[in-house]
Amino acid sequence: IGFLGWVLMGTLGRLRAWRNRRSGKVRKDVHDNRLSVPSPAVETLEDISVPPPLVVSFDAPSQVLSSRGEPADEHEWPRLAKAVLKHTPARIRAGGHVRWSLLYSTDRDGCSLNTLYRKAAEISSREESVLLIRDESGACFGAFCTQRWQKRPMYYGTGETFVFKLKPEMEVFSWSRRDSFFQLARKDFLALGGGPTSRGDVQGFALRLDSELLQGTTSESGTFRNPPLSNDPEFKVVVAELWSVEPGRRSTLSKKLD
């Protein structure tokens, strides 16, 4: 390369550097007169959007977690409520607040399945509900239901339905996709789950309650692939509650969950 070639290459190099400085791709270091690539932007904690903690509110205390007439730990019920809500559809938690409203309680409204159906019909804006039960053994369990409890001849509901244990240990059993036996509401009983079990049994209700809500049964079901929810497959109900769950505002009984 001759002299003119070196001059041309130098000129082109300076032109590229000038264009890069104008476009912001490189900067000139004022201390040592070198060209350097800008450091990448560092994301700080302030730049990261952190969702606010979920807040739940209750219009009444739950008796399901009480024991021998003693009130439950005031912090335990909000923690377990959060654990249940974690598995519900995102639309319920989207606003950061969830309101629990007590629709029916055997302690408050008497032991009657017809009364439970009547109270469930009072759900106005949403149909989702949570059924909670405590039996004589002290086990606490229940179900999240996506449609209103009302008498129907056949199974109904959706795959967002699930059953769970609260005590002695929290466990959730979601839809197995093997069948669609979600909710069954008859005149003389209500039930969740069914279908052939892993043992080949023809029918296995995950949870069944009689017309007086005093006796119940639980077993493995094909719908949720759950073990029995209670310590005893045939249990006696101490208290049963039906709650509606919907986006709402904080009330005087609201609990912040961290």
C-alpha atoms as a PDB file:
ATOM      1  CA  ILE A   1       0.000   0.000   0.000  1.00  0.00           C
ATOM      2  CA  GLY A   2       1.408   3.382  -1.000  1.00  0.00           C
ATOM      3  CA  PHE A   3       1.416   6.652   0.820  1.00  0.00           C
ATOM      4  CA  LEU A   4      -1.931   7.712  -0.604  1.00  0.00           C
ATOM      5  CA  GLY A   5      -3.438   4.382   0.521  1.00  0.00           C
ATOM      6  CA  TRP A   6      -2.361   4.943   4.143  1.00  0.00           C
ATOM      7  CA  VAL A   7      -3.736   8.470   4.072  1.00  0.00           C
ATOM      8  CA  LEU A   8      -7.075   7.192   2.701  1.00  0.00           C
ATOM      9  CA  MET A   9      -7.339   4.423   5.344  1.00  0.00           C
ATOM     10  CA  GLY A  10      -6.580   6.889   8.141  1.00  0.00           C
ATOM     11  CA  THR A  11      -9.190   9.294   6.837  1.00  0.00           C
ATOM     12  CA  LEU A  12     -11.830   6.535   6.656  1.00  0.00           C
ATOM     13  CA  GLY A  13     -10.970   5.409  10.201  1.00  0.00           C
ATOM     14  CA  ARG A  14     -11.356   8.931  11.585  1.00  0.00           C
ATOM     15  CA  LEU A  15     -14.642   9.299   9.708  1.00  0.00           C
ATOM     16  CA  ARG A  16     -16.017   6.060  11.210  1.00  0.00           C
ATOM     17  CA  ALA A  17     -14.963   7.154  14.716  1.00  0.00           C
ATOM     18  CA  TRP A  18     -16.652  10.523  14.223  1.00  0.00           C
ATOM     19  CA  ARG A  19     -19.871   8.877  13.017  1.00  0.00           C
ATOM     20  CA  ASN A  20     -19.828   6.471  15.955  1.00  0.00           C
ATOM     21  CA  ARG A  21     -19.402   9.328  18.431  1.00  0.00           C
ATOM     22  CA  ARG A  22     -22.332  11.131  16.834  1.00  0.00           C
ATOM     23  CA  SER A  23     -24.514   7.988  17.066  1.00  0.00           C
ATOM     24  CA  GLY A  24     -23.556   7.319  20.702  1.00  0.00           C
ATOM     25  CA  LYS A  25     -21.959   3.930  20.018  1.00  0.00           C
ATOM     26  CA  VAL A  26     -18.593   4.952  21.453  1.00  0.00           C
ATOM     27  CA  ARG A  27     -17.337   7.813  23.580  1.00  0.00           C
ATOM     28  CA  LYS A  28     -14.019   9.625  23.866  1.00  0.00           C
ATOM     29  CA  ASP A  29     -12.294   9.259  27.188  1.00  0.00           C
ATOM     30  CA  VAL A  30     -11.210  12.767  28.244  1.00  0.00           C
ATOM     31  CA  HIS A  31      -8.453  11.421  30.501  1.00  0.00           C
ATOM     32  CA  ASP A  32      -6.350   9.345  28.117  1.00  0.00           C
ATOM     33  CA  ASN A  33      -7.803  10.367  24.746  1.00  0.00           C
ATOM     34  CA  ARG A  34      -8.846   6.773  23.942  1.00  0.00           C
ATOM     35  CA  LEU A  35     -12.049   5.592  22.303  1.00  0.00           C
ATOM     36  CA  SER A  36     -14.012   3.098  24.429  1.00  0.00           C
ATOM     37  CA  VAL A  37     -17.351   1.285  24.312  1.00  0.00           C
ATOM     38  CA  PRO A  38     -19.871   2.549  26.901  1.00  0.00           C
ATOM     39  CA  SER A  39     -20.523   0.226  29.853  1.00  0.00           C
ATOM     40  CA  PRO A  40     -23.872  -1.558  29.723  1.00  0.00           C
ATOM     41  CA  ALA A  41     -26.602  -0.144  31.944  1.00  0.00           C
ATOM     42  CA  VAL A  42     -26.835  -1.843  35.323  1.00  0.00           C
ATOM     43  CA  GLU A  43     -30.349  -2.750  36.482  1.00  0.00           C
ATOM     44  CA  THR A  44     -30.888  -1.757  40.085  1.00  0.00           C
ATOM     45  CA  LEU A  45     -33.493  -2.973  42.552  1.00  0.00           C
ATOM     46  CA  GLU A  46     -35.383   0.279  41.992  1.00  0.00           C
ATOM     47  CA  ASP A  47     -35.759  -0.625  38.312  1.00  0.00           C
ATOM     48  CA  ILE A  48     -37.365  -4.001  39.047  1.00  0.00           C
ATOM     49  CA  SER A  49     -41.148  -3.973  39.426  1.00  0.00           C
ATOM     50  CA  VAL A  50     -42.066  -5.998  42.519  1.00  0.00           C
ATOM     51  CA  PRO A  51     -45.760  -6.886  42.902  1.00  0.00           C
ATOM     52  CA  PRO A  52     -47.295  -5.761  46.195  1.00  0.00           C
ATOM     53  CA  PRO A  53     -48.008  -8.420  48.816  1.00  0.00           C
ATOM     54  CA  LEU A  54     -51.423 -10.048  48.558  1.00  0.00           C
ATOM     55  CA  VAL A  55     -54.049  -8.746  50.964  1.00  0.00           C
ATOM     56  CA  VAL A  56     -57.074 -10.776  52.032  1.00  0.00           C
ATOM     57  CA  SER A  57     -60.125  -9.617  53.955  1.00  0.00           C
ATOM     58  CA  PHE A  58     -62.724 -11.630  55.852  1.00  0.00           C
ATOM     59  CA  ASP A  59     -66.225 -10.547  56.790  1.00  0.00           C
ATOM     60  CA  ALA A  60     -66.301 -13.106  59.619  1.00  0.00           C
ATOM     61  CA  PRO A  61     -63.849 -15.349  61.500  1.00  0.00           C
ATOM     62  CA  SER A  62     -63.527 -18.973  60.419  1.00  0.00           C
ATOM     63  CA  GLN A  63     -64.365 -21.703  62.922  1.00  0.00           C
ATOM     64  CA  VAL A  64     -62.738 -24.453  60.879  1.00  0.00           C
ATOM     65  CA  LEU A  65     -59.299 -23.862  62.381  1.00  0.00           C
ATOM     66  CA  SER A  66     -60.600 -23.559  65.953  1.00  0.00           C
ATOM     67  CA  SER A  67     -59.942 -26.403  68.351  1.00  0.00           C
ATOM     68  CA  ARG A  68     -62.076 -27.429  71.333  1.00  0.00           C
ATOM     69  CA  GLY A  69     -63.853 -24.097  71.273  1.00  0.00           C
ATOM     70  CA  GLU A  70     -60.637 -22.087  71.379  1.00  0.00           C
ATOM     71  CA  PRO A  71     -60.089 -19.415  68.708  1.00  0.00           C
ATOM     72  CA  ALA A  72     -57.542 -20.135  65.994  1.00  0.00           C
ATOM     73  CA  ASP A  73     -54.211 -18.364  65.728  1.00  0.00           C
ATOM     74  CA  GLU A  74     -55.025 -14.998  64.130  1.00  0.00           C
ATOM     75  CA  HIS A  75     -52.048 -15.330  61.794  1.00  0.00           C
ATOM     76  CA  GLU A  76     -52.670 -18.962  60.788  1.00  0.00           C
ATOM     77  CA  TRP A  77     -55.881 -18.448  58.853  1.00  0.00           C
ATOM     78  CA  PRO A  78     -54.467 -15.665  56.600  1.00  0.00           C
ATOM     79  CA  ARG A  79     -51.406 -17.823  55.852  1.00  0.00           C
ATOM     80  CA  LEU A  80     -53.561 -20.791  54.891  1.00  0.00           C
ATOM     81  CA  ALA A  81     -55.899 -18.561  52.907  1.00  0.00           C
ATOM     82  CA  LYS A  82     -52.896 -17.373  50.905  1.00  0.00           C
ATOM     83  CA  ALA A  83     -51.784 -20.968  50.348  1.00  0.00           C
ATOM     84  CA  VAL A  84     -55.218 -21.829  48.940  1.00  0.00           C
ATOM     85  CA  LEU A  85     -55.393 -18.682  46.784  1.00  0.00           C
ATOM     86  CA  LYS A  86     -52.012 -19.463  45.257  1.00  0.00           C
ATOM     87  CA  HIS A  87     -53.674 -22.278  43.294  1.00  0.00           C
ATOM     88  CA  THR A  88     -56.774 -20.364  42.229  1.00  0.00           C
ATOM     89  CA  PRO A  89     -57.125 -18.725  38.792  1.00  0.00           C
ATOM     90  CA  ALA A  90     -55.070 -15.548  38.388  1.00  0.00           C
ATOM     91  CA  ARG A  91     -58.213 -13.499  37.723  1.00  0.00           C
ATOM     92  CA  ILE A  92     -59.141 -13.781  41.404  1.00  0.00           C
ATOM     93  CA  ARG A  93     -55.781 -12.435  42.632  1.00  0.00           C
ATOM     94  CA  ALA A  94     -55.130  -9.964  39.810  1.00  0.00           C
ATOM     95  CA  GLY A  95     -56.013  -6.861  41.816  1.00  0.00           C
ATOM     96  CA  GLY A  96     -53.841  -7.742  44.814  1.00  0.00           C
ATOM     97  CA  HIS A  97     -56.872  -7.982  47.143  1.00  0.00           C
ATOM     98  CA  VAL A  98     -59.176 -10.962  47.706  1.00  0.00           C
ATOM     99  CA  ARG A  99     -62.322 -10.731  49.799  1.00  0.00           C
ATOM    100  CA  TRP A 100     -63.591 -13.830  51.612  1.00  0.00           C
ATOM    101  CA  SER A 101     -67.302 -13.675  52.479  1.00  0.00           C
ATOM    102  CA  LEU A 102     -68.875 -16.351  54.664  1.00  0.00           C
ATOM    103  CA  LEU A 103     -71.927 -17.628  52.787  1.00  0.00           C
ATOM    104  CA  TYR A 104     -72.779 -20.586  54.980  1.00  0.00           C
ATOM    105  CA  SER A 105     -71.651 -22.129  58.263  1.00  0.00           C
ATOM    106  CA  THR A 106     -73.088 -25.086  60.149  1.00  0.00           C
ATOM    107  CA  ASP A 107     -72.368 -23.182  63.369  1.00  0.00           C
ATOM    108  CA  ARG A 108     -74.310 -20.114  62.247  1.00  0.00           C
ATOM    109  CA  ASP A 109     -76.952 -21.456  59.844  1.00  0.00           C
ATOM    110  CA  GLY A 110     -77.642 -24.994  61.055  1.00  0.00           C
ATOM    111  CA  CYS A 111     -76.816 -28.349  59.498  1.00  0.00           C
ATOM    112  CA  SER A 112     -78.707 -28.503  56.221  1.00  0.00           C
ATOM    113  CA  LEU A 113     -77.561 -29.094  52.670  1.00  0.00           C
ATOM    114  CA  ASN A 114     -80.629 -27.259  51.340  1.00  0.00           C
ATOM    115  CA  THR A 115     -79.600 -24.204  53.369  1.00  0.00           C
ATOM    116  CA  LEU A 116     -76.100 -24.395  51.889  1.00  0.00           C
ATOM    117  CA  TYR A 117     -77.599 -24.477  48.379  1.00  0.00           C
ATOM    118  CA  ARG A 118     -79.825 -21.502  49.207  1.00  0.00           C
ATOM    119  CA  LYS A 119     -76.933 -19.487  50.640  1.00  0.00           C
ATOM    120  CA  ALA A 120     -74.735 -20.358  47.660  1.00  0.00           C
ATOM    121  CA  ALA A 121     -77.393 -18.885  45.365  1.00  0.00           C
ATOM    122  CA  GLU A 122     -76.772 -15.518  47.029  1.00  0.00           C
ATOM    123  CA  ILE A 123     -73.379 -15.184  45.325  1.00  0.00           C
ATOM    124  CA  SER A 124     -73.976 -12.172  43.133  1.00  0.00           C
ATOM    125  CA  SER A 125     -71.004 -11.122  41.039  1.00  0.00           C
ATOM    126  CA  ARG A 126     -68.942 -14.331  40.987  1.00  0.00           C
ATOM    127  CA  GLU A 127     -69.555 -18.055  41.360  1.00  0.00           C
ATOM    128  CA  GLU A 128     -66.225 -19.234  42.798  1.00  0.00           C
ATOM    129  CA  SER A 129     -66.315 -20.554  46.363  1.00  0.00           C
ATOM    130  CA  VAL A 130     -64.211 -22.410  48.906  1.00  0.00           C
ATOM    131  CA  LEU A 131     -65.672 -25.264  50.945  1.00  0.00           C
ATOM    132  CA  LEU A 132     -63.950 -25.832  54.311  1.00  0.00           C
ATOM    133  CA  ILE A 133     -64.479 -28.746  56.715  1.00  0.00           C
ATOM    134  CA  ARG A 134     -63.134 -29.799  60.097  1.00  0.00           C
ATOM    135  CA  ASP A 135     -63.892 -33.306  61.312  1.00  0.00           C
ATOM    136  CA  GLU A 136     -63.766 -35.037  64.688  1.00  0.00           C
ATOM    137  CA  SER A 137     -60.171 -36.170  64.157  1.00  0.00           C
ATOM    138  CA  GLY A 138     -59.039 -32.528  63.852  1.00  0.00           C
ATOM    139  CA  ALA A 139     -58.309 -32.775  60.130  1.00  0.00           C
ATOM    140  CA  CYS A 140     -59.124 -29.652  58.087  1.00  0.00           C
ATOM    141  CA  PHE A 141     -59.709 -29.965  54.356  1.00  0.00           C
ATOM    142  CA  GLY A 142     -61.903 -28.705  51.546  1.00  0.00           C
ATOM    143  CA  ALA A 143     -62.228 -27.679  47.924  1.00  0.00           C
ATOM    144  CA  PHE A 144     -62.069 -24.695  45.594  1.00  0.00           C
ATOM    145  CA  CYS A 145     -65.139 -24.739  43.343  1.00  0.00           C
ATOM    146  CA  THR A 146     -65.533 -22.694  40.184  1.00  0.00           C
ATOM    147  CA  GLN A 147     -69.310 -22.835  39.832  1.00  0.00           C
ATOM    148  CA  ARG A 148     -72.183 -22.131  42.203  1.00  0.00           C
ATOM    149  CA  TRP A 149     -73.443 -25.045  44.293  1.00  0.00           C
ATOM    150  CA  GLN A 150     -76.946 -25.803  43.035  1.00  0.00           C
ATOM    151  CA  LYS A 151     -78.878 -29.020  42.552  1.00  0.00           C
ATOM    152  CA  ARG A 152     -78.198 -30.657  39.197  1.00  0.00           C
ATOM    153  CA  PRO A 153     -78.682 -34.218  37.926  1.00  0.00           C
ATOM    154  CA  MET A 154     -75.162 -34.517  36.478  1.00  0.00           C
ATOM    155  CA  TYR A 155     -71.612 -33.491  37.272  1.00  0.00           C
ATOM    156  CA  TYR A 156     -70.609 -29.941  36.375  1.00  0.00           C
ATOM    157  CA  GLY A 157     -67.740 -27.491  37.026  1.00  0.00           C
ATOM    158  CA  THR A 158     -64.396 -26.821  35.357  1.00  0.00           C
ATOM    159  CA  GLY A 159     -60.804 -28.012  35.457  1.00  0.00           C
ATOM    160  CA  GLU A 160     -59.853 -25.117  37.735  1.00  0.00           C
ATOM    161  CA  THR A 161     -61.544 -26.984  40.594  1.00  0.00           C
ATOM    162  CA  PHE A 162     -59.230 -28.604  43.152  1.00  0.00           C
ATOM    163  CA  VAL A 163     -59.356 -30.286  46.556  1.00  0.00           C
ATOM    164  CA  PHE A 164     -56.901 -29.761  49.395  1.00  0.00           C
ATOM    165  CA  LYS A 165     -55.800 -30.543  52.914  1.00  0.00           C
ATOM    166  CA  LEU A 166     -55.165 -27.725  55.382  1.00  0.00           C
ATOM    167  CA  LYS A 167     -54.207 -29.733  58.448  1.00  0.00           C
ATOM    168  CA  PRO A 168     -52.135 -31.502  59.564  1.00  0.00           C
ATOM    169  CA  GLU A 169     -50.202 -30.477  56.432  1.00  0.00           C
ATOM    170  CA  MET A 170     -51.117 -28.270  53.483  1.00  0.00           C
ATOM    171  CA  GLU A 171     -51.524 -30.263  50.248  1.00  0.00           C
ATOM    172  CA  VAL A 172     -53.337 -29.376  47.021  1.00  0.00           C
ATOM    173  CA  PHE A 173     -54.652 -31.849  44.448  1.00  0.00           C
ATOM    174  CA  SER A 174     -55.481 -30.379  41.051  1.00  0.00           C
ATOM    175  CA  TRP A 175     -57.344 -31.825  38.100  1.00  0.00           C
ATOM    176  CA  SER A 176     -55.717 -34.959  36.716  1.00  0.00           C
ATOM    177  CA  ARG A 177     -57.363 -34.535  33.268  1.00  0.00           C
ATOM    178  CA  ARG A 178     -58.541 -38.136  33.409  1.00  0.00           C
ATOM    179  CA  ASP A 179     -62.242 -37.200  33.614  1.00  0.00           C
ATOM    180  CA  SER A 180     -64.535 -34.229  34.273  1.00  0.00           C
ATOM    181  CA  PHE A 181     -66.225 -35.257  37.531  1.00  0.00           C
ATOM    182  CA  PHE A 182     -65.795 -31.955  39.347  1.00  0.00           C
ATOM    183  CA  GLN A 183     -68.926 -30.989  41.300  1.00  0.00           C
ATOM    184  CA  LEU A 184     -72.038 -33.059  41.970  1.00  0.00           C
ATOM    185  CA  ALA A 185     -74.978 -31.437  43.783  1.00  0.00           C
ATOM    186  CA  ARG A 186     -77.891 -33.722  44.552  1.00  0.00           C
ATOM    187  CA  LYS A 187     -80.820 -33.359  46.923  1.00  0.00           C
ATOM    188  CA  ASP A 188     -79.397 -35.849  49.412  1.00  0.00           C
ATOM    189  CA  PHE A 189     -75.637 -35.215  49.073  1.00  0.00           C
ATOM    190  CA  LEU A 190     -72.919 -33.114  47.467  1.00  0.00           C
ATOM    191  CA  ALA A 191     -69.635 -34.495  46.183  1.00  0.00           C
ATOM    192  CA  LEU A 192     -66.431 -33.655  44.364  1.00  0.00           C
ATOM    193  CA  GLY A 193     -64.366 -35.965  42.199  1.00  0.00           C
ATOM    194  CA  GLY A 194     -65.039 -39.456  41.014  1.00  0.00           C
ATOM    195  CA  GLY A 195     -64.092 -41.842  38.266  1.00  0.00           C
ATOM    196  CA  PRO A 196     -61.933 -44.953  38.334  1.00  0.00           C
ATOM    197  CA  THR A 197     -59.099 -44.852  40.835  1.00  0.00           C
ATOM    198  CA  SER A 198     -55.598 -46.237  40.427  1.00  0.00           C
ATOM    199  CA  ARG A 199     -56.856 -49.476  41.984  1.00  0.00           C
ATOM    200  CA  GLY A 200     -59.568 -49.783  39.343  1.00  0.00           C
ATOM    201  CA  ASP A 201     -62.457 -48.947  41.664  1.00  0.00           C
ATOM    202  CA  VAL A 202     -65.553 -47.933  39.740  1.00  0.00           C
ATOM    203  CA  GLN A 203     -66.297 -44.841  41.825  1.00  0.00           C
ATOM    204  CA  GLY A 204     -64.304 -42.847  44.328  1.00  0.00           C
ATOM    205  CA  PHE A 205     -65.482 -39.487  45.652  1.00  0.00           C
ATOM    206  CA  ALA A 206     -62.680 -37.189  46.739  1.00  0.00           C
ATOM    207  CA  LEU A 207     -65.215 -35.671  49.140  1.00  0.00           C
ATOM    208  CA  ARG A 208     -68.865 -36.400  49.880  1.00  0.00           C
ATOM    209  CA  LEU A 209     -71.214 -34.833  52.452  1.00  0.00           C
ATOM    210  CA  ASP A 210     -74.692 -36.062  53.387  1.00  0.00           C
ATOM    211  CA  SER A 211     -77.907 -34.022  53.364  1.00  0.00           C
ATOM    212  CA  GLU A 212     -77.480 -32.968  57.019  1.00  0.00           C
ATOM    213  CA  LEU A 213     -73.794 -32.123  56.633  1.00  0.00           C
ATOM    214  CA  LEU A 214     -73.030 -34.313  59.635  1.00  0.00           C
ATOM    215  CA  GLN A 215     -71.423 -37.322  57.958  1.00  0.00           C
ATOM    216  CA  GLY A 216     -68.933 -37.485  55.143  1.00  0.00           C
ATOM    217  CA  THR A 217     -66.679 -39.797  53.191  1.00  0.00           C
ATOM    218  CA  THR A 218     -63.405 -39.289  51.363  1.00  0.00           C
ATOM    219  CA  SER A 219     -61.338 -41.564  49.182  1.00  0.00           C
ATOM    220  CA  GLU A 220     -58.915 -41.608  46.312  1.00  0.00           C
ATOM    221  CA  SER A 221     -60.481 -40.208  43.137  1.00  0.00           C
ATOM    222  CA  GLY A 222     -59.477 -40.395  39.517  1.00  0.00           C
ATOM    223  CA  THR A 223     -60.443 -36.746  38.980  1.00  0.00           C
ATOM    224  CA  PHE A 224     -57.836 -35.303  41.338  1.00  0.00           C
ATOM    225  CA  ARG A 225     -55.604 -38.324  42.063  1.00  0.00           C
ATOM    226  CA  ASN A 226     -55.878 -37.455  45.719  1.00  0.00           C
ATOM    227  CA  PRO A 227     -55.466 -39.663  48.783  1.00  0.00           C
ATOM    228  CA  PRO A 228     -58.254 -39.528  51.398  1.00  0.00           C
ATOM    229  CA  LEU A 229     -58.449 -35.959  52.677  1.00  0.00           C
ATOM    230  CA  SER A 230     -59.298 -36.974  56.250  1.00  0.00           C
ATOM    231  CA  ASN A 231     -57.613 -39.345  58.674  1.00  0.00           C
ATOM    232  CA  ASP A 232     -60.780 -41.474  58.509  1.00  0.00           C
ATOM    233  CA  PRO A 233     -62.434 -42.363  55.156  1.00  0.00           C
ATOM    234  CA  GLU A 234     -65.790 -42.075  56.952  1.00  0.00           C
ATOM    235  CA  PHE A 235     -65.747 -38.989  59.125  1.00  0.00           C
ATOM    236  CA  LYS A 236     -68.055 -36.890  61.280  1.00  0.00           C
ATOM    237  CA  VAL A 237     -68.281 -33.192  60.490  1.00  0.00           C
ATOM    238  CA  VAL A 238     -67.619 -30.764  63.346  1.00  0.00           C
ATOM    239  CA  VAL A 239     -68.032 -27.619  61.265  1.00  0.00           C
ATOM    240  CA  ALA A 240     -68.472 -26.911  57.571  1.00  0.00           C
ATOM    241  CA  GLU A 241     -68.216 -23.501  55.899  1.00  0.00           C
ATOM    242  CA  LEU A 242     -68.770 -22.154  52.396  1.00  0.00           C
ATOM    243  CA  TRP A 243     -66.933 -18.942  51.447  1.00  0.00           C
ATOM    244  CA  SER A 244     -67.135 -16.824  48.321  1.00  0.00           C
ATOM    245  CA  VAL A 245     -63.795 -15.475  47.098  1.00  0.00           C
ATOM    246  CA  GLU A 246     -63.592 -12.433  44.847  1.00  0.00           C
ATOM    247  CA  PRO A 247     -61.436  -9.368  44.208  1.00  0.00           C
ATOM    248  CA  GLY A 248     -62.278  -6.756  46.801  1.00  0.00           C
ATOM    249  CA  ARG A 249     -61.152  -4.019  49.141  1.00  0.00           C
ATOM    250  CA  ARG A 250     -59.507  -4.313  52.516  1.00  0.00           C
ATOM    251  CA  SER A 251     -61.946  -4.507  55.442  1.00  0.00           C
ATOM    252  CA  THR A 252     -61.589  -4.177  59.200  1.00  0.00           C
ATOM    253  CA  LEU A 253     -60.621  -7.838  59.357  1.00  0.00           C
ATOM    254  CA  SER A 254     -58.093  -7.618  56.541  1.00  0.00           C
ATOM    255  CA  LYS A 255     -54.751  -9.340  56.949  1.00  0.00           C
ATOM    256  CA  LYS A 256     -51.616  -8.432  55.028  1.00  0.00           C
ATOM    257  CA  LEU A 257     -49.788 -11.526  53.876  1.00  0.00           C
ATOM    258  CA  ASP A 258     -46.041 -11.292  53.644  1.00  0.00           C
END
